[in-house]
Amino acid sequence: MDILIVDDDCLICQSLQLLLDKEEDITVVGVVENGREAISFCEKIQPDLILMDIQMPVLNGIESTKMIKRNWPHIKIMMLTTFQDKMNIRLALKAGAEGYIIKSSAIKDMAKQIRAIESNSMVLTPEVLDKLVHQNQSAEFLELTEREKDVMELVVEGLSNKEIAKQLYLSEGTVRNVLSIVLDKLELRDRTQLAIYYWQRQK
């Protein structure tokens, strides 16, 4: 896997590069210090995954994530930041990031987390999950209608839109519309985030 590190903290960059260079299946192909440089890098070389800080000069991590995902949607992005407030987490995931990691708690597991994202899993540290799932979730959940809750539960069980339509006696178009409404109400991006939301709520 080819990795690009985007961070204006030289010590973080050096630590990450030293750590990841020990892995046989991971290669750090570049280190840049802001989002604008990350976009310029991707125009020449497209890495498999980007480790992206949020607060950087010139162009921040959230805005650069949006632009990179718009132009190269196949590039995976993991936010690696000190920020763990709900707003930054939601903005980063909405921008298209597949992971959100807090620098202080997860660097030792970085290679494992990179492999998880490359295998199409979403990676969120426990602090991030807590912010994303538990704040205001009761009020948000109560806004759902019974039909919306039914569709959500079947999505979480892994059913396709076609299977949900058959089980609930709805058209596939209706299922798509209901699912879109559920995601909007809960401020989630996709089925993966919906599953995380649902299962954390059951604890």
N, C-alpha and C. Protein backbone atom coordinates (compact mmCIF):
# COMPACT_ATOMS: atom_id res chain seq x y z
N MET A 1 0.85 -1.20 0.00
CA MET A 1 0.00 0.00 0.00
C MET A 1 0.88 1.24 0.00
N ASP A 2 0.57 2.18 -0.87
CA ASP A 2 1.29 3.44 -0.92
C ASP A 2 0.56 4.47 -0.07
N ILE A 3 1.29 5.10 0.87
CA ILE A 3 0.70 6.01 1.83
C ILE A 3 1.28 7.41 1.67
N LEU A 4 0.41 8.42 1.71
CA LEU A 4 0.82 9.81 1.74
C LEU A 4 0.49 10.37 3.12
N ILE A 5 1.46 11.03 3.76
CA ILE A 5 1.25 11.67 5.06
C ILE A 5 1.08 13.17 4.85
N VAL A 6 0.01 13.73 5.39
CA VAL A 6 -0.27 15.16 5.24
C VAL A 6 -0.40 15.77 6.63
N ASP A 7 0.62 16.48 7.07
CA ASP A 7 0.62 17.05 8.42
C ASP A 7 1.71 18.12 8.50
N ASP A 8 1.43 19.22 9.17
CA ASP A 8 2.43 20.28 9.28
C ASP A 8 3.31 20.12 10.52
N ASP A 9 3.12 19.04 11.27
CA ASP A 9 3.95 18.75 12.44
C ASP A 9 5.06 17.79 12.02
N CYS A 10 6.28 18.29 11.94
CA CYS A 10 7.41 17.49 11.45
C CYS A 10 7.66 16.26 12.30
N LEU A 11 7.50 16.40 13.61
CA LEU A 11 7.76 15.26 14.50
C LEU A 11 6.76 14.13 14.28
N ILE A 12 5.49 14.49 14.08
CA ILE A 12 4.47 13.49 13.79
C ILE A 12 4.79 12.78 12.48
N CYS A 13 5.16 13.55 11.47
CA CYS A 13 5.49 12.97 10.16
C CYS A 13 6.67 12.00 10.26
N GLN A 14 7.71 12.41 10.98
CA GLN A 14 8.89 11.55 11.12
C GLN A 14 8.55 10.27 11.89
N SER A 15 7.75 10.42 12.95
CA SER A 15 7.35 9.24 13.74
C SER A 15 6.54 8.26 12.91
N LEU A 16 5.59 8.78 12.15
CA LEU A 16 4.76 7.93 11.31
C LEU A 16 5.60 7.23 10.24
N GLN A 17 6.48 7.98 9.63
CA GLN A 17 7.30 7.39 8.56
C GLN A 17 8.19 6.28 9.10
N LEU A 18 8.81 6.51 10.26
CA LEU A 18 9.65 5.48 10.87
C LEU A 18 8.84 4.24 11.22
N LEU A 19 7.64 4.46 11.74
CA LEU A 19 6.78 3.35 12.14
C LEU A 19 6.32 2.54 10.94
N LEU A 20 5.85 3.23 9.91
CA LEU A 20 5.26 2.54 8.76
C LEU A 20 6.31 1.92 7.84
N ASP A 21 7.51 2.49 7.82
CA ASP A 21 8.57 1.92 6.98
C ASP A 21 9.01 0.53 7.45
N LYS A 22 8.63 0.17 8.66
CA LYS A 22 8.96 -1.16 9.18
C LYS A 22 8.03 -2.24 8.62
N GLU A 23 6.92 -1.82 8.03
CA GLU A 23 5.92 -2.77 7.53
C GLU A 23 6.23 -3.16 6.09
N GLU A 24 6.23 -4.46 5.83
CA GLU A 24 6.60 -4.94 4.49
C GLU A 24 5.58 -4.56 3.42
N ASP A 25 4.31 -4.43 3.82
CA ASP A 25 3.27 -4.16 2.82
C ASP A 25 2.86 -2.70 2.75
N ILE A 26 3.59 -1.81 3.43
CA ILE A 26 3.25 -0.38 3.45
C ILE A 26 4.47 0.43 3.03
N THR A 27 4.26 1.37 2.12
CA THR A 27 5.33 2.26 1.67
C THR A 27 4.87 3.71 1.77
N VAL A 28 5.61 4.53 2.47
CA VAL A 28 5.32 5.96 2.52
C VAL A 28 5.91 6.60 1.27
N VAL A 29 5.04 7.04 0.36
CA VAL A 29 5.50 7.57 -0.92
C VAL A 29 5.64 9.09 -0.91
N GLY A 30 5.17 9.73 0.17
CA GLY A 30 5.30 11.18 0.23
C GLY A 30 4.90 11.73 1.57
N VAL A 31 5.45 12.90 1.91
CA VAL A 31 5.09 13.63 3.12
C VAL A 31 4.94 15.10 2.73
N VAL A 32 3.77 15.67 2.96
CA VAL A 32 3.53 17.08 2.65
C VAL A 32 2.89 17.76 3.86
N GLU A 33 2.89 19.10 3.87
CA GLU A 33 2.50 19.79 5.10
C GLU A 33 1.17 20.53 5.04
N ASN A 34 0.44 20.44 3.94
CA ASN A 34 -0.89 21.05 3.90
C ASN A 34 -1.74 20.43 2.80
N GLY A 35 -3.02 20.75 2.82
CA GLY A 35 -3.97 20.15 1.89
C GLY A 35 -3.70 20.50 0.44
N ARG A 36 -3.24 21.71 0.19
CA ARG A 36 -2.95 22.11 -1.19
C ARG A 36 -1.83 21.26 -1.77
N GLU A 37 -0.80 21.01 -0.96
CA GLU A 37 0.31 20.16 -1.42
C GLU A 37 -0.16 18.72 -1.62
N ALA A 38 -1.11 18.29 -0.80
CA ALA A 38 -1.64 16.93 -0.94
C ALA A 38 -2.35 16.77 -2.28
N ILE A 39 -3.14 17.78 -2.66
CA ILE A 39 -3.84 17.73 -3.94
C ILE A 39 -2.86 17.73 -5.10
N SER A 40 -1.83 18.57 -5.02
CA SER A 40 -0.80 18.62 -6.06
C SER A 40 -0.08 17.27 -6.18
N PHE A 41 0.17 16.64 -5.03
CA PHE A 41 0.83 15.33 -5.04
C PHE A 41 -0.06 14.31 -5.75
N CYS A 42 -1.35 14.32 -5.44
CA CYS A 42 -2.28 13.34 -6.03
C CYS A 42 -2.43 13.53 -7.53
N GLU A 43 -2.20 14.73 -8.02
CA GLU A 43 -2.26 14.96 -9.46
C GLU A 43 -1.14 14.22 -10.19
N LYS A 44 -0.04 13.97 -9.48
CA LYS A 44 1.10 13.28 -10.07
C LYS A 44 1.14 11.79 -9.69
N ILE A 45 0.96 11.54 -8.40
CA ILE A 45 1.00 10.17 -7.88
C ILE A 45 -0.21 9.98 -6.98
N GLN A 46 -1.01 8.96 -7.26
CA GLN A 46 -2.20 8.72 -6.45
C GLN A 46 -1.94 7.58 -5.46
N PRO A 47 -1.81 7.92 -4.19
CA PRO A 47 -1.55 6.88 -3.18
C PRO A 47 -2.80 6.04 -2.93
N ASP A 48 -2.62 4.93 -2.28
CA ASP A 48 -3.77 4.11 -1.90
C ASP A 48 -4.52 4.73 -0.74
N LEU A 49 -3.77 5.38 0.16
CA LEU A 49 -4.38 5.94 1.37
C LEU A 49 -3.63 7.18 1.82
N ILE A 50 -4.37 8.13 2.36
CA ILE A 50 -3.78 9.37 2.88
C ILE A 50 -4.06 9.47 4.38
N LEU A 51 -3.00 9.74 5.16
CA LEU A 51 -3.16 10.10 6.57
C LEU A 51 -3.23 11.61 6.62
N MET A 52 -4.37 12.16 7.03
CA MET A 52 -4.65 13.58 6.86
C MET A 52 -4.92 14.28 8.20
N ASP A 53 -4.11 15.30 8.50
CA ASP A 53 -4.40 16.15 9.65
C ASP A 53 -5.56 17.08 9.29
N ILE A 54 -6.18 17.70 10.31
CA ILE A 54 -7.28 18.63 10.04
C ILE A 54 -6.79 20.07 9.98
N GLN A 55 -6.17 20.54 11.05
CA GLN A 55 -5.76 21.94 11.09
C GLN A 55 -4.37 22.09 10.48
N MET A 56 -4.33 22.73 9.28
CA MET A 56 -3.07 22.94 8.57
C MET A 56 -3.13 24.29 7.86
N PRO A 57 -1.98 24.89 7.57
CA PRO A 57 -1.99 26.15 6.82
C PRO A 57 -2.39 25.92 5.36
N VAL A 58 -2.75 26.98 4.69
CA VAL A 58 -3.09 27.02 3.26
C VAL A 58 -4.44 26.36 2.97
N LEU A 59 -4.56 25.06 3.27
CA LEU A 59 -5.83 24.35 3.05
C LEU A 59 -5.96 23.26 4.11
N ASN A 60 -7.07 23.29 4.86
CA ASN A 60 -7.22 22.34 5.96
C ASN A 60 -7.59 20.94 5.46
N GLY A 61 -7.57 19.99 6.39
CA GLY A 61 -7.77 18.60 6.02
C GLY A 61 -9.17 18.27 5.54
N ILE A 62 -10.18 18.91 6.09
CA ILE A 62 -11.56 18.62 5.68
C ILE A 62 -11.81 19.10 4.26
N GLU A 63 -11.40 20.33 3.96
CA GLU A 63 -11.61 20.85 2.60
C GLU A 63 -10.80 20.06 1.58
N SER A 64 -9.58 19.70 1.92
CA SER A 64 -8.77 18.94 0.96
C SER A 64 -9.32 17.53 0.77
N THR A 65 -9.89 16.96 1.84
CA THR A 65 -10.54 15.65 1.71
C THR A 65 -11.68 15.70 0.71
N LYS A 66 -12.50 16.75 0.80
CA LYS A 66 -13.61 16.92 -0.16
C LYS A 66 -13.09 16.95 -1.58
N MET A 67 -12.04 17.73 -1.82
CA MET A 67 -11.52 17.90 -3.17
C MET A 67 -10.87 16.62 -3.68
N ILE A 68 -10.14 15.94 -2.82
CA ILE A 68 -9.50 14.69 -3.23
C ILE A 68 -10.54 13.62 -3.55
N LYS A 69 -11.56 13.52 -2.71
CA LYS A 69 -12.62 12.53 -2.94
C LYS A 69 -13.41 12.84 -4.21
N ARG A 70 -13.55 14.11 -4.51
CA ARG A 70 -14.27 14.49 -5.72
C ARG A 70 -13.50 14.09 -6.98
N ASN A 71 -12.18 14.22 -6.93
CA ASN A 71 -11.35 13.93 -8.10
C ASN A 71 -10.84 12.50 -8.15
N TRP A 72 -10.57 11.92 -6.99
CA TRP A 72 -10.01 10.56 -6.93
C TRP A 72 -10.75 9.77 -5.84
N PRO A 73 -11.99 9.41 -6.08
CA PRO A 73 -12.79 8.75 -5.03
C PRO A 73 -12.22 7.43 -4.54
N HIS A 74 -11.33 6.81 -5.31
CA HIS A 74 -10.76 5.52 -4.89
C HIS A 74 -9.69 5.68 -3.81
N ILE A 75 -9.17 6.89 -3.60
CA ILE A 75 -8.15 7.10 -2.58
C ILE A 75 -8.81 7.10 -1.20
N LYS A 76 -8.33 6.24 -0.31
CA LYS A 76 -8.87 6.18 1.05
C LYS A 76 -8.22 7.27 1.90
N ILE A 77 -8.99 7.85 2.81
CA ILE A 77 -8.46 8.92 3.66
C ILE A 77 -8.77 8.64 5.13
N MET A 78 -7.71 8.67 5.94
CA MET A 78 -7.86 8.53 7.39
C MET A 78 -7.46 9.85 8.04
N MET A 79 -8.38 10.47 8.75
CA MET A 79 -8.06 11.69 9.48
C MET A 79 -7.23 11.30 10.70
N LEU A 80 -6.13 12.00 10.89
CA LEU A 80 -5.24 11.76 12.04
C LEU A 80 -5.03 13.10 12.71
N THR A 81 -5.70 13.32 13.84
CA THR A 81 -5.81 14.68 14.37
C THR A 81 -5.90 14.69 15.90
N THR A 82 -5.73 15.87 16.46
CA THR A 82 -5.93 16.04 17.90
C THR A 82 -7.38 16.43 18.21
N PHE A 83 -8.14 16.81 17.18
CA PHE A 83 -9.51 17.27 17.39
C PHE A 83 -10.46 16.09 17.56
N GLN A 84 -11.24 16.10 18.64
CA GLN A 84 -12.23 15.05 18.83
C GLN A 84 -13.61 15.62 19.15
N ASP A 85 -13.87 16.84 18.65
CA ASP A 85 -15.20 17.42 18.82
C ASP A 85 -16.15 16.87 17.77
N LYS A 86 -17.41 16.87 18.10
CA LYS A 86 -18.43 16.27 17.24
C LYS A 86 -18.49 16.94 15.86
N MET A 87 -18.33 18.25 15.82
CA MET A 87 -18.45 18.96 14.54
C MET A 87 -17.37 18.51 13.55
N ASN A 88 -16.11 18.49 14.00
CA ASN A 88 -15.03 18.07 13.09
C ASN A 88 -15.18 16.62 12.65
N ILE A 89 -15.62 15.76 13.56
CA ILE A 89 -15.82 14.36 13.22
C ILE A 89 -16.87 14.22 12.13
N ARG A 90 -18.00 14.87 12.33
CA ARG A 90 -19.09 14.77 11.34
C ARG A 90 -18.68 15.38 9.99
N LEU A 91 -18.01 16.52 10.03
CA LEU A 91 -17.58 17.16 8.78
C LEU A 91 -16.58 16.29 8.02
N ALA A 92 -15.66 15.67 8.75
CA ALA A 92 -14.66 14.82 8.10
C ALA A 92 -15.30 13.59 7.46
N LEU A 93 -16.21 12.94 8.18
CA LEU A 93 -16.86 11.74 7.64
C LEU A 93 -17.79 12.11 6.48
N LYS A 94 -18.46 13.26 6.60
CA LYS A 94 -19.32 13.71 5.51
C LYS A 94 -18.50 14.04 4.26
N ALA A 95 -17.28 14.53 4.48
CA ALA A 95 -16.40 14.86 3.35
C ALA A 95 -15.93 13.61 2.62
N GLY A 96 -16.02 12.45 3.30
CA GLY A 96 -15.66 11.20 2.64
C GLY A 96 -14.57 10.39 3.31
N ALA A 97 -14.07 10.86 4.45
CA ALA A 97 -13.01 10.11 5.14
C ALA A 97 -13.51 8.74 5.60
N GLU A 98 -12.67 7.73 5.45
CA GLU A 98 -13.02 6.37 5.88
C GLU A 98 -12.60 6.08 7.31
N GLY A 99 -11.83 6.98 7.90
CA GLY A 99 -11.38 6.77 9.27
C GLY A 99 -11.14 8.09 9.97
N TYR A 100 -11.18 8.06 11.30
CA TYR A 100 -10.93 9.26 12.10
C TYR A 100 -10.23 8.80 13.37
N ILE A 101 -8.95 9.14 13.48
CA ILE A 101 -8.10 8.64 14.54
C ILE A 101 -7.55 9.81 15.35
N ILE A 102 -7.54 9.67 16.68
CA ILE A 102 -6.95 10.67 17.55
C ILE A 102 -5.45 10.36 17.72
N LYS A 103 -4.61 11.35 17.47
CA LYS A 103 -3.16 11.14 17.47
C LYS A 103 -2.65 10.53 18.77
N SER A 104 -3.18 10.98 19.88
CA SER A 104 -2.64 10.58 21.17
C SER A 104 -2.91 9.12 21.53
N SER A 105 -3.88 8.50 20.85
CA SER A 105 -4.31 7.19 21.32
C SER A 105 -4.07 6.03 20.35
N ALA A 106 -3.69 6.32 19.11
CA ALA A 106 -3.77 5.23 18.14
C ALA A 106 -2.54 5.02 17.26
N ILE A 107 -1.48 5.81 17.44
CA ILE A 107 -0.35 5.70 16.52
C ILE A 107 0.28 4.30 16.54
N LYS A 108 0.31 3.68 17.70
CA LYS A 108 0.93 2.36 17.81
C LYS A 108 0.19 1.31 16.98
N ASP A 109 -1.08 1.54 16.72
CA ASP A 109 -1.89 0.59 15.96
C ASP A 109 -2.08 1.03 14.50
N MET A 110 -1.29 2.00 14.06
CA MET A 110 -1.54 2.62 12.76
C MET A 110 -1.53 1.63 11.61
N ALA A 111 -0.55 0.73 11.56
CA ALA A 111 -0.48 -0.22 10.44
C ALA A 111 -1.73 -1.09 10.38
N LYS A 112 -2.16 -1.56 11.54
CA LYS A 112 -3.36 -2.39 11.61
C LYS A 112 -4.58 -1.61 11.12
N GLN A 113 -4.68 -0.34 11.50
CA GLN A 113 -5.83 0.48 11.10
C GLN A 113 -5.80 0.80 9.60
N ILE A 114 -4.61 1.01 9.08
CA ILE A 114 -4.47 1.24 7.64
C ILE A 114 -4.95 0.03 6.86
N ARG A 115 -4.55 -1.16 7.30
CA ARG A 115 -4.97 -2.39 6.61
C ARG A 115 -6.50 -2.55 6.70
N ALA A 116 -7.08 -2.18 7.82
CA ALA A 116 -8.54 -2.30 7.97
C ALA A 116 -9.26 -1.39 6.98
N ILE A 117 -8.78 -0.16 6.82
CA ILE A 117 -9.41 0.76 5.87
C ILE A 117 -9.21 0.28 4.45
N GLU A 118 -8.04 -0.25 4.14
CA GLU A 118 -7.78 -0.76 2.80
C GLU A 118 -8.70 -1.94 2.48
N SER A 119 -9.16 -2.64 3.51
CA SER A 119 -10.09 -3.76 3.34
C SER A 119 -11.55 -3.31 3.38
N ASN A 120 -11.75 -1.98 3.23
CA ASN A 120 -13.08 -1.38 3.16
C ASN A 120 -13.83 -1.36 4.48
N SER A 121 -13.11 -1.36 5.59
CA SER A 121 -13.73 -1.16 6.90
C SER A 121 -13.59 0.31 7.28
N MET A 122 -14.49 0.77 8.14
CA MET A 122 -14.35 2.11 8.67
C MET A 122 -13.63 2.01 10.01
N VAL A 123 -12.69 2.92 10.26
CA VAL A 123 -11.91 2.89 11.49
C VAL A 123 -12.16 4.15 12.30
N LEU A 124 -12.71 3.98 13.49
CA LEU A 124 -12.96 5.09 14.40
C LEU A 124 -12.46 4.68 15.78
N THR A 125 -11.69 5.53 16.43
CA THR A 125 -11.23 5.22 17.78
C THR A 125 -12.40 5.35 18.75
N PRO A 126 -12.31 4.72 19.93
CA PRO A 126 -13.42 4.76 20.89
C PRO A 126 -13.88 6.16 21.24
N GLU A 127 -12.94 7.11 21.37
CA GLU A 127 -13.32 8.48 21.68
C GLU A 127 -14.21 9.07 20.59
N VAL A 128 -13.87 8.75 19.35
CA VAL A 128 -14.63 9.26 18.21
C VAL A 128 -16.02 8.64 18.16
N LEU A 129 -16.07 7.34 18.37
CA LEU A 129 -17.37 6.66 18.39
C LEU A 129 -18.29 7.26 19.45
N ASP A 130 -17.72 7.55 20.60
CA ASP A 130 -18.51 8.12 21.68
C ASP A 130 -19.10 9.46 21.27
N LYS A 131 -18.29 10.31 20.65
CA LYS A 131 -18.76 11.62 20.21
C LYS A 131 -19.80 11.47 19.10
N LEU A 132 -19.53 10.58 18.17
CA LEU A 132 -20.37 10.44 16.98
C LEU A 132 -21.73 9.83 17.31
N VAL A 133 -21.75 8.88 18.23
CA VAL A 133 -22.94 8.09 18.45
C VAL A 133 -23.78 8.57 19.62
N HIS A 134 -23.14 8.90 20.73
CA HIS A 134 -23.91 9.10 21.95
C HIS A 134 -24.47 10.51 22.13
N GLN A 135 -23.88 11.52 21.53
CA GLN A 135 -24.39 12.86 21.73
C GLN A 135 -25.68 13.06 20.95
N ASN A 136 -26.74 13.41 21.66
CA ASN A 136 -28.04 13.74 21.07
C ASN A 136 -28.69 12.60 20.31
N GLN A 137 -28.22 11.37 20.48
CA GLN A 137 -28.77 10.31 19.65
C GLN A 137 -30.22 9.99 20.00
N SER A 138 -30.64 10.13 21.24
CA SER A 138 -32.00 9.79 21.62
C SER A 138 -33.00 10.69 20.91
N ALA A 139 -32.71 11.99 20.90
CA ALA A 139 -33.61 12.93 20.24
C ALA A 139 -33.67 12.66 18.75
N GLU A 140 -32.51 12.38 18.15
CA GLU A 140 -32.47 12.11 16.71
C GLU A 140 -33.26 10.84 16.38
N PHE A 141 -33.08 9.81 17.19
CA PHE A 141 -33.76 8.54 16.92
C PHE A 141 -35.27 8.70 17.03
N LEU A 142 -35.73 9.51 17.98
CA LEU A 142 -37.17 9.70 18.16
C LEU A 142 -37.82 10.41 16.97
N GLU A 143 -37.01 11.07 16.16
CA GLU A 143 -37.56 11.74 14.98
C GLU A 143 -37.94 10.75 13.88
N LEU A 144 -37.47 9.52 13.96
CA LEU A 144 -37.75 8.55 12.92
C LEU A 144 -39.17 8.00 13.04
N THR A 145 -39.81 7.81 11.89
CA THR A 145 -41.12 7.16 11.88
C THR A 145 -40.93 5.65 12.03
N GLU A 146 -42.02 4.93 12.25
CA GLU A 146 -41.92 3.47 12.39
C GLU A 146 -41.39 2.83 11.12
N ARG A 147 -41.83 3.32 9.96
CA ARG A 147 -41.33 2.76 8.70
C ARG A 147 -39.83 3.01 8.57
N GLU A 148 -39.38 4.20 8.94
CA GLU A 148 -37.95 4.52 8.85
C GLU A 148 -37.14 3.63 9.78
N LYS A 149 -37.67 3.36 10.97
CA LYS A 149 -36.98 2.46 11.90
C LYS A 149 -36.92 1.04 11.35
N ASP A 150 -38.00 0.61 10.71
CA ASP A 150 -38.02 -0.74 10.12
C ASP A 150 -36.96 -0.88 9.03
N VAL A 151 -36.88 0.13 8.17
CA VAL A 151 -35.88 0.10 7.10
C VAL A 151 -34.47 0.12 7.69
N MET A 152 -34.25 0.95 8.69
CA MET A 152 -32.94 1.03 9.33
C MET A 152 -32.53 -0.33 9.89
N GLU A 153 -33.42 -1.00 10.59
CA GLU A 153 -33.09 -2.28 11.22
C GLU A 153 -32.74 -3.33 10.17
N LEU A 154 -33.42 -3.32 9.05
CA LEU A 154 -33.14 -4.30 8.00
C LEU A 154 -31.82 -3.99 7.28
N VAL A 155 -31.52 -2.69 7.13
CA VAL A 155 -30.22 -2.29 6.57
C VAL A 155 -29.09 -2.80 7.46
N VAL A 156 -29.26 -2.62 8.76
CA VAL A 156 -28.24 -3.04 9.73
C VAL A 156 -28.06 -4.55 9.70
N GLU A 157 -29.14 -5.29 9.40
CA GLU A 157 -29.05 -6.75 9.30
C GLU A 157 -28.35 -7.20 8.03
N GLY A 158 -28.07 -6.24 7.14
CA GLY A 158 -27.31 -6.55 5.93
C GLY A 158 -28.15 -6.80 4.70
N LEU A 159 -29.45 -6.54 4.76
CA LEU A 159 -30.32 -6.76 3.60
C LEU A 159 -30.11 -5.67 2.55
N SER A 160 -30.23 -6.06 1.30
CA SER A 160 -30.15 -5.11 0.20
C SER A 160 -31.47 -4.35 0.07
N ASN A 161 -31.48 -3.29 -0.71
CA ASN A 161 -32.72 -2.54 -0.92
C ASN A 161 -33.81 -3.44 -1.51
N LYS A 162 -33.41 -4.33 -2.41
CA LYS A 162 -34.38 -5.24 -3.03
C LYS A 162 -34.99 -6.18 -2.00
N GLU A 163 -34.15 -6.70 -1.11
CA GLU A 163 -34.64 -7.61 -0.07
C GLU A 163 -35.53 -6.89 0.94
N ILE A 164 -35.15 -5.65 1.27
CA ILE A 164 -35.97 -4.86 2.20
C ILE A 164 -37.33 -4.56 1.57
N ALA A 165 -37.32 -4.21 0.30
CA ALA A 165 -38.57 -3.90 -0.41
C ALA A 165 -39.50 -5.11 -0.38
N LYS A 166 -38.96 -6.29 -0.61
CA LYS A 166 -39.77 -7.51 -0.61
C LYS A 166 -40.34 -7.79 0.77
N GLN A 167 -39.52 -7.62 1.81
CA GLN A 167 -39.96 -7.93 3.16
C GLN A 167 -40.99 -6.95 3.69
N LEU A 168 -40.86 -5.68 3.30
CA LEU A 168 -41.79 -4.65 3.81
C LEU A 168 -42.90 -4.31 2.82
N TYR A 169 -42.93 -5.02 1.69
CA TYR A 169 -43.95 -4.81 0.66
C TYR A 169 -43.91 -3.37 0.14
N LEU A 170 -42.70 -2.92 -0.17
CA LEU A 170 -42.49 -1.59 -0.71
C LEU A 170 -41.76 -1.71 -2.04
N SER A 171 -41.72 -0.63 -2.80
CA SER A 171 -40.91 -0.61 -4.01
C SER A 171 -39.46 -0.30 -3.63
N GLU A 172 -38.52 -0.68 -4.51
CA GLU A 172 -37.12 -0.37 -4.22
C GLU A 172 -36.89 1.13 -4.16
N GLY A 173 -37.61 1.87 -5.00
CA GLY A 173 -37.49 3.33 -4.99
C GLY A 173 -37.90 3.92 -3.65
N THR A 174 -38.98 3.37 -3.09
CA THR A 174 -39.44 3.85 -1.78
C THR A 174 -38.39 3.55 -0.71
N VAL A 175 -37.81 2.36 -0.76
CA VAL A 175 -36.77 1.98 0.21
C VAL A 175 -35.59 2.94 0.11
N ARG A 176 -35.16 3.25 -1.12
CA ARG A 176 -34.04 4.19 -1.30
C ARG A 176 -34.37 5.55 -0.72
N ASN A 177 -35.60 6.01 -0.95
CA ASN A 177 -36.01 7.32 -0.43
C ASN A 177 -36.05 7.33 1.10
N VAL A 178 -36.60 6.26 1.67
CA VAL A 178 -36.70 6.18 3.13
C VAL A 178 -35.30 6.14 3.75
N LEU A 179 -34.41 5.35 3.15
CA LEU A 179 -33.05 5.25 3.66
C LEU A 179 -32.35 6.60 3.60
N SER A 180 -32.56 7.33 2.51
CA SER A 180 -31.96 8.66 2.37
C SER A 180 -32.45 9.60 3.47
N ILE A 181 -33.75 9.52 3.78
CA ILE A 181 -34.32 10.35 4.83
C ILE A 181 -33.72 10.00 6.19
N VAL A 182 -33.57 8.69 6.45
CA VAL A 182 -32.99 8.23 7.72
C VAL A 182 -31.57 8.78 7.88
N LEU A 183 -30.76 8.66 6.83
CA LEU A 183 -29.38 9.14 6.89
C LEU A 183 -29.33 10.65 7.13
N ASP A 184 -30.23 11.38 6.48
CA ASP A 184 -30.28 12.83 6.66
C ASP A 184 -30.66 13.19 8.10
N LYS A 185 -31.67 12.52 8.63
CA LYS A 185 -32.14 12.83 9.98
C LYS A 185 -31.07 12.54 11.03
N LEU A 186 -30.34 11.46 10.83
CA LEU A 186 -29.32 11.07 11.80
C LEU A 186 -27.95 11.67 11.51
N GLU A 187 -27.87 12.45 10.40
CA GLU A 187 -26.61 13.09 10.00
C GLU A 187 -25.51 12.07 9.78
N LEU A 188 -25.86 10.99 9.08
CA LEU A 188 -24.91 9.94 8.77
C LEU A 188 -24.70 9.89 7.26
N ARG A 189 -23.57 9.29 6.84
CA ARG A 189 -23.24 9.32 5.41
C ARG A 189 -23.68 8.09 4.64
N ASP A 190 -23.62 6.91 5.27
CA ASP A 190 -23.86 5.70 4.51
C ASP A 190 -24.29 4.55 5.42
N ARG A 191 -24.44 3.36 4.84
CA ARG A 191 -24.91 2.19 5.58
C ARG A 191 -23.95 1.80 6.71
N THR A 192 -22.65 1.98 6.47
CA THR A 192 -21.67 1.63 7.50
C THR A 192 -21.86 2.48 8.74
N GLN A 193 -21.98 3.79 8.55
CA GLN A 193 -22.19 4.67 9.70
C GLN A 193 -23.53 4.37 10.38
N LEU A 194 -24.53 4.00 9.60
CA LEU A 194 -25.83 3.67 10.17
C LEU A 194 -25.72 2.43 11.07
N ALA A 195 -24.95 1.46 10.63
CA ALA A 195 -24.77 0.25 11.44
C ALA A 195 -24.04 0.57 12.74
N ILE A 196 -23.00 1.41 12.66
CA ILE A 196 -22.28 1.81 13.86
C ILE A 196 -23.23 2.50 14.83
N TYR A 197 -24.01 3.43 14.30
CA TYR A 197 -24.98 4.18 15.12
C TYR A 197 -25.94 3.21 15.83
N TYR A 198 -26.48 2.29 15.06
CA TYR A 198 -27.50 1.38 15.58
C TYR A 198 -26.94 0.48 16.69
N TRP A 199 -25.80 -0.17 16.43
CA TRP A 199 -25.29 -1.14 17.39
C TRP A 199 -24.77 -0.46 18.65
N GLN A 200 -24.19 0.71 18.51
CA GLN A 200 -23.76 1.44 19.71
C GLN A 200 -24.96 1.84 20.55
N ARG A 201 -26.06 2.13 19.91
CA ARG A 201 -27.27 2.53 20.62
C ARG A 201 -27.88 1.37 21.42
N GLN A 202 -27.58 0.14 21.00
CA GLN A 202 -28.14 -1.03 21.67
C GLN A 202 -27.40 -1.37 22.98
N LYS A 203 -26.23 -0.74 23.19
CA LYS A 203 -25.42 -1.08 24.37
C LYS A 203 -26.03 -0.48 25.63
